[in-house]
């Protein structure tokens, strides 16, 4: 049975809901996301499995309401060192279906500056022309260095 102490403020409720949702994805075959989590072999470490306090102790509070639980390695398990609080933008970049990363943007620019069209670049990287256009314009990754972005993995299976 899951154990936890009452949290001091309602803010802890957000972390508790994240913990419960993680458990449902991994253990409840009736959860809509179970097939790509528990059904795909994604597990929760023994420390967190039935202990919300251990989860909260390791993860700390969510930085903002815009953050939610994310696995850094999408093929890894829910465990300390592989989980973080991340924004939706960070999580979208960390999907197993992500084919581009910030590290590839200079290569895209070289191809574009060499005369290749957005469409030709898109075909080469198996992404949409819109994805190429947004990446090159800075709307997708911007000028900041990449941090924990998924590289192309070729599986075509989405994280969520």
C-alpha atoms as a PDB file:
ATOM      1  CA  UNK A   1       0.000   0.000   0.000  1.00  0.00           C
ATOM      2  CA  UNK A   2       1.249   3.482  -0.840  1.00  0.00           C
ATOM      3  CA  UNK A   3       2.499   5.539   2.080  1.00  0.00           C
ATOM      4  CA  UNK A   4       2.780   9.284   2.521  1.00  0.00           C
ATOM      5  CA  UNK A   5       2.507  11.917   5.190  1.00  0.00           C
ATOM      6  CA  UNK A   6       0.176  14.847   4.875  1.00  0.00           C
ATOM      7  CA  UNK A   7       1.919  17.664   3.057  1.00  0.00           C
ATOM      8  CA  UNK A   8       2.072  21.102   4.709  1.00  0.00           C
ATOM      9  CA  UNK A   9       0.521  23.110   1.864  1.00  0.00           C
ATOM     10  CA  UNK A  10      -1.782  22.549  -1.061  1.00  0.00           C
ATOM     11  CA  UNK A  11       1.242  23.052  -3.356  1.00  0.00           C
ATOM     12  CA  UNK A  12       2.364  19.519  -2.467  1.00  0.00           C
ATOM     13  CA  UNK A  13      -0.883  18.312  -3.981  1.00  0.00           C
ATOM     14  CA  UNK A  14       0.592  18.954  -7.456  1.00  0.00           C
ATOM     15  CA  UNK A  15       3.527  16.647  -6.792  1.00  0.00           C
ATOM     16  CA  UNK A  16       1.217  14.020  -5.337  1.00  0.00           C
ATOM     17  CA  UNK A  17      -0.943  14.078  -8.464  1.00  0.00           C
ATOM     18  CA  UNK A  18       2.187  13.667 -10.617  1.00  0.00           C
ATOM     19  CA  UNK A  19       3.237  10.683  -8.505  1.00  0.00           C
ATOM     20  CA  UNK A  20      -0.224   9.098  -8.769  1.00  0.00           C
ATOM     21  CA  UNK A  21      -0.346   9.668 -12.540  1.00  0.00           C
ATOM     22  CA  UNK A  22       3.100   8.053 -12.888  1.00  0.00           C
ATOM     23  CA  UNK A  23       1.876   5.019 -10.930  1.00  0.00           C
ATOM     24  CA  UNK A  24      -1.293   4.758 -13.026  1.00  0.00           C
ATOM     25  CA  UNK A  25       0.656   4.904 -16.316  1.00  0.00           C
ATOM     26  CA  UNK A  26       2.917   2.100 -15.112  1.00  0.00           C
ATOM     27  CA  UNK A  27       0.574  -0.169 -13.128  1.00  0.00           C
ATOM     28  CA  UNK A  28      -3.021   0.349 -14.254  1.00  0.00           C
ATOM     29  CA  UNK A  29      -3.857  -1.558 -17.465  1.00  0.00           C
ATOM     30  CA  UNK A  30      -7.048   0.529 -17.725  1.00  0.00           C
ATOM     31  CA  UNK A  31      -5.084   3.799 -17.923  1.00  0.00           C
ATOM     32  CA  UNK A  32      -5.086   5.028 -21.555  1.00  0.00           C
ATOM     33  CA  UNK A  33      -1.308   5.608 -21.404  1.00  0.00           C
ATOM     34  CA  UNK A  34      -0.487   2.200 -19.917  1.00  0.00           C
ATOM     35  CA  UNK A  35       0.385   0.586 -23.293  1.00  0.00           C
ATOM     36  CA  UNK A  36       3.319   2.987 -23.851  1.00  0.00           C
ATOM     37  CA  UNK A  37       4.450   2.993 -20.212  1.00  0.00           C
ATOM     38  CA  UNK A  38       3.805  -0.069 -18.043  1.00  0.00           C
ATOM     39  CA  UNK A  39       2.806  -2.156 -21.036  1.00  0.00           C
ATOM     40  CA  UNK A  40       6.074  -1.209 -22.748  1.00  0.00           C
ATOM     41  CA  UNK A  41       8.179  -2.170 -19.732  1.00  0.00           C
ATOM     42  CA  UNK A  42       8.609   1.255 -18.116  1.00  0.00           C
ATOM     43  CA  UNK A  43       8.910   0.721 -14.358  1.00  0.00           C
ATOM     44  CA  UNK A  44       9.094   2.777 -11.174  1.00  0.00           C
ATOM     45  CA  UNK A  45      12.077   2.286  -8.883  1.00  0.00           C
ATOM     46  CA  UNK A  46      11.441   0.446  -5.622  1.00  0.00           C
ATOM     47  CA  UNK A  47      12.093   3.606  -3.591  1.00  0.00           C
ATOM     48  CA  UNK A  48       9.288   5.552  -5.315  1.00  0.00           C
ATOM     49  CA  UNK A  49       6.877   2.740  -6.118  1.00  0.00           C
ATOM     50  CA  UNK A  50       4.780   2.973  -2.948  1.00  0.00           C
ATOM     51  CA  UNK A  51       6.321   5.947  -1.173  1.00  0.00           C
ATOM     52  CA  UNK A  52       5.266   9.453  -2.123  1.00  0.00           C
ATOM     53  CA  UNK A  53       7.574  10.986   0.502  1.00  0.00           C
ATOM     54  CA  UNK A  54      10.623   9.328  -1.061  1.00  0.00           C
ATOM     55  CA  UNK A  55       9.525  10.572  -4.488  1.00  0.00           C
ATOM     56  CA  UNK A  56       9.066  14.114  -3.175  1.00  0.00           C
ATOM     57  CA  UNK A  57      12.363  13.993  -1.288  1.00  0.00           C
ATOM     58  CA  UNK A  58      14.259  12.980  -4.434  1.00  0.00           C
ATOM     59  CA  UNK A  59      12.407  15.200  -6.904  1.00  0.00           C
ATOM     60  CA  UNK A  60      11.774  18.251  -4.761  1.00  0.00           C
ATOM     61  CA  UNK A  61       8.834  20.549  -5.409  1.00  0.00           C
ATOM     62  CA  UNK A  62       7.696  21.427  -8.914  1.00  0.00           C
ATOM     63  CA  UNK A  63       9.367  24.732  -9.856  1.00  0.00           C
ATOM     64  CA  UNK A  64       6.107  26.081 -11.338  1.00  0.00           C
ATOM     65  CA  UNK A  65       2.656  24.864 -12.292  1.00  0.00           C
ATOM     66  CA  UNK A  66       3.956  24.745 -15.889  1.00  0.00           C
ATOM     67  CA  UNK A  67       6.352  21.910 -14.965  1.00  0.00           C
ATOM     68  CA  UNK A  68       5.449  18.244 -14.908  1.00  0.00           C
ATOM     69  CA  UNK A  69       7.249  14.947 -14.448  1.00  0.00           C
ATOM     70  CA  UNK A  70       9.559  13.939 -17.310  1.00  0.00           C
ATOM     71  CA  UNK A  71      11.959  11.052 -17.905  1.00  0.00           C
ATOM     72  CA  UNK A  72      15.248  12.315 -19.350  1.00  0.00           C
ATOM     73  CA  UNK A  73      15.913   9.025 -21.140  1.00  0.00           C
ATOM     74  CA  UNK A  74      12.519   8.150 -22.577  1.00  0.00           C
ATOM     75  CA  UNK A  75      13.483   4.472 -22.680  1.00  0.00           C
ATOM     76  CA  UNK A  76      14.559   4.521 -19.043  1.00  0.00           C
ATOM     77  CA  UNK A  77      12.526   3.990 -15.913  1.00  0.00           C
ATOM     78  CA  UNK A  78      11.080   6.367 -13.353  1.00  0.00           C
ATOM     79  CA  UNK A  79      13.987   6.676 -10.925  1.00  0.00           C
ATOM     80  CA  UNK A  80      16.263   9.319  -9.403  1.00  0.00           C
ATOM     81  CA  UNK A  81      18.728  10.528 -11.990  1.00  0.00           C
ATOM     82  CA  UNK A  82      16.360   9.899 -14.887  1.00  0.00           C
ATOM     83  CA  UNK A  83      13.503  12.181 -13.841  1.00  0.00           C
ATOM     84  CA  UNK A  84      13.084  15.928 -13.663  1.00  0.00           C
ATOM     85  CA  UNK A  85      10.410  18.590 -13.570  1.00  0.00           C
ATOM     86  CA  UNK A  86      10.174  19.935 -17.133  1.00  0.00           C
ATOM     87  CA  UNK A  87       8.027  22.318 -19.131  1.00  0.00           C
ATOM     88  CA  UNK A  88       5.860  21.138 -21.991  1.00  0.00           C
ATOM     89  CA  UNK A  89       8.355  22.579 -24.497  1.00  0.00           C
ATOM     90  CA  UNK A  90      11.224  20.597 -22.966  1.00  0.00           C
ATOM     91  CA  UNK A  91       9.102  17.449 -22.909  1.00  0.00           C
ATOM     92  CA  UNK A  92       8.090  17.841 -26.550  1.00  0.00           C
ATOM     93  CA  UNK A  93      11.773  18.050 -27.494  1.00  0.00           C
ATOM     94  CA  UNK A  94      12.442  14.917 -25.444  1.00  0.00           C
ATOM     95  CA  UNK A  95      10.036  12.620 -27.275  1.00  0.00           C
ATOM     96  CA  UNK A  96      11.275   9.458 -28.901  1.00  0.00           C
ATOM     97  CA  UNK A  97       9.758  10.759 -32.138  1.00  0.00           C
ATOM     98  CA  UNK A  98      11.962  13.884 -32.142  1.00  0.00           C
ATOM     99  CA  UNK A  99      14.159  13.704 -35.209  1.00  0.00           C
ATOM    100  CA  UNK A 100      15.972  17.044 -34.893  1.00  0.00           C
ATOM    101  CA  UNK A 101      17.972  18.543 -32.063  1.00  0.00           C
ATOM    102  CA  UNK A 102      19.621  21.889 -31.427  1.00  0.00           C
ATOM    103  CA  UNK A 103      22.937  20.259 -32.324  1.00  0.00           C
ATOM    104  CA  UNK A 104      21.655  19.726 -35.885  1.00  0.00           C
ATOM    105  CA  UNK A 105      20.569  23.338 -36.480  1.00  0.00           C
ATOM    106  CA  UNK A 106      24.023  24.444 -37.772  1.00  0.00           C
ATOM    107  CA  UNK A 107      23.943  21.534 -40.238  1.00  0.00           C
ATOM    108  CA  UNK A 108      20.473  22.598 -41.421  1.00  0.00           C
ATOM    109  CA  UNK A 109      21.750  26.156 -41.924  1.00  0.00           C
ATOM    110  CA  UNK A 110      24.700  24.913 -43.987  1.00  0.00           C
ATOM    111  CA  UNK A 111      22.332  22.913 -46.193  1.00  0.00           C
ATOM    112  CA  UNK A 112      19.973  25.883 -46.581  1.00  0.00           C
ATOM    113  CA  UNK A 113      22.839  28.305 -47.273  1.00  0.00           C
ATOM    114  CA  UNK A 114      24.165  25.817 -49.809  1.00  0.00           C
ATOM    115  CA  UNK A 115      20.939  26.169 -51.771  1.00  0.00           C
ATOM    116  CA  UNK A 116      18.867  23.244 -50.495  1.00  0.00           C
ATOM    117  CA  UNK A 117      15.170  24.057 -50.101  1.00  0.00           C
ATOM    118  CA  UNK A 118      13.282  23.564 -46.841  1.00  0.00           C
ATOM    119  CA  UNK A 119      11.410  20.757 -48.541  1.00  0.00           C
ATOM    120  CA  UNK A 120      14.624  18.958 -49.559  1.00  0.00           C
ATOM    121  CA  UNK A 121      16.049  19.340 -46.042  1.00  0.00           C
ATOM    122  CA  UNK A 122      12.790  17.999 -44.593  1.00  0.00           C
ATOM    123  CA  UNK A 123      12.971  14.918 -46.798  1.00  0.00           C
ATOM    124  CA  UNK A 124      16.603  14.319 -45.838  1.00  0.00           C
ATOM    125  CA  UNK A 125      15.772  14.394 -42.095  1.00  0.00           C
ATOM    126  CA  UNK A 126      12.320  12.753 -42.368  1.00  0.00           C
ATOM    127  CA  UNK A 127      10.515  15.709 -40.809  1.00  0.00           C
ATOM    128  CA  UNK A 128       7.953  18.179 -42.073  1.00  0.00           C
ATOM    129  CA  UNK A 129       8.870  21.279 -44.010  1.00  0.00           C
ATOM    130  CA  UNK A 130       7.263  23.314 -41.212  1.00  0.00           C
ATOM    131  CA  UNK A 131       9.591  21.688 -38.667  1.00  0.00           C
ATOM    132  CA  UNK A 132      12.605  22.696 -40.756  1.00  0.00           C
ATOM    133  CA  UNK A 133      11.312  26.232 -41.228  1.00  0.00           C
ATOM    134  CA  UNK A 134      10.643  26.664 -37.504  1.00  0.00           C
ATOM    135  CA  UNK A 135      14.003  25.171 -36.533  1.00  0.00           C
ATOM    136  CA  UNK A 136      15.871  27.466 -38.900  1.00  0.00           C
ATOM    137  CA  UNK A 137      13.921  30.518 -37.778  1.00  0.00           C
ATOM    138  CA  UNK A 138      14.791  29.871 -34.129  1.00  0.00           C
ATOM    139  CA  UNK A 139      11.178  29.303 -33.052  1.00  0.00           C
ATOM    140  CA  UNK A 140      11.737  25.663 -32.187  1.00  0.00           C
ATOM    141  CA  UNK A 141      14.997  25.636 -30.270  1.00  0.00           C
ATOM    142  CA  UNK A 142      16.210  29.199 -30.369  1.00  0.00           C
ATOM    143  CA  UNK A 143      19.843  30.118 -29.928  1.00  0.00           C
ATOM    144  CA  UNK A 144      20.351  28.423 -26.541  1.00  0.00           C
ATOM    145  CA  UNK A 145      22.500  25.291 -26.363  1.00  0.00           C
ATOM    146  CA  UNK A 146      20.697  21.983 -26.350  1.00  0.00           C
ATOM    147  CA  UNK A 147      20.111  20.370 -23.003  1.00  0.00           C
ATOM    148  CA  UNK A 148      18.756  16.834 -22.885  1.00  0.00           C
ATOM    149  CA  UNK A 149      17.130  16.917 -26.316  1.00  0.00           C
ATOM    150  CA  UNK A 150      16.329  13.583 -27.907  1.00  0.00           C
ATOM    151  CA  UNK A 151      18.304  12.688 -31.004  1.00  0.00           C
ATOM    152  CA  UNK A 152      16.777  10.724 -33.803  1.00  0.00           C
ATOM    153  CA  UNK A 153      16.165   7.198 -32.594  1.00  0.00           C
ATOM    154  CA  UNK A 154      14.382   5.842 -35.610  1.00  0.00           C
ATOM    155  CA  UNK A 155      11.665   4.083 -33.640  1.00  0.00           C
ATOM    156  CA  UNK A 156       8.831   6.376 -34.686  1.00  0.00           C
ATOM    157  CA  UNK A 157       7.166   5.601 -31.351  1.00  0.00           C
ATOM    158  CA  UNK A 158       6.087   8.644 -29.425  1.00  0.00           C
ATOM    159  CA  UNK A 159       6.809   9.156 -25.760  1.00  0.00           C
ATOM    160  CA  UNK A 160       3.247  10.181 -24.936  1.00  0.00           C
END
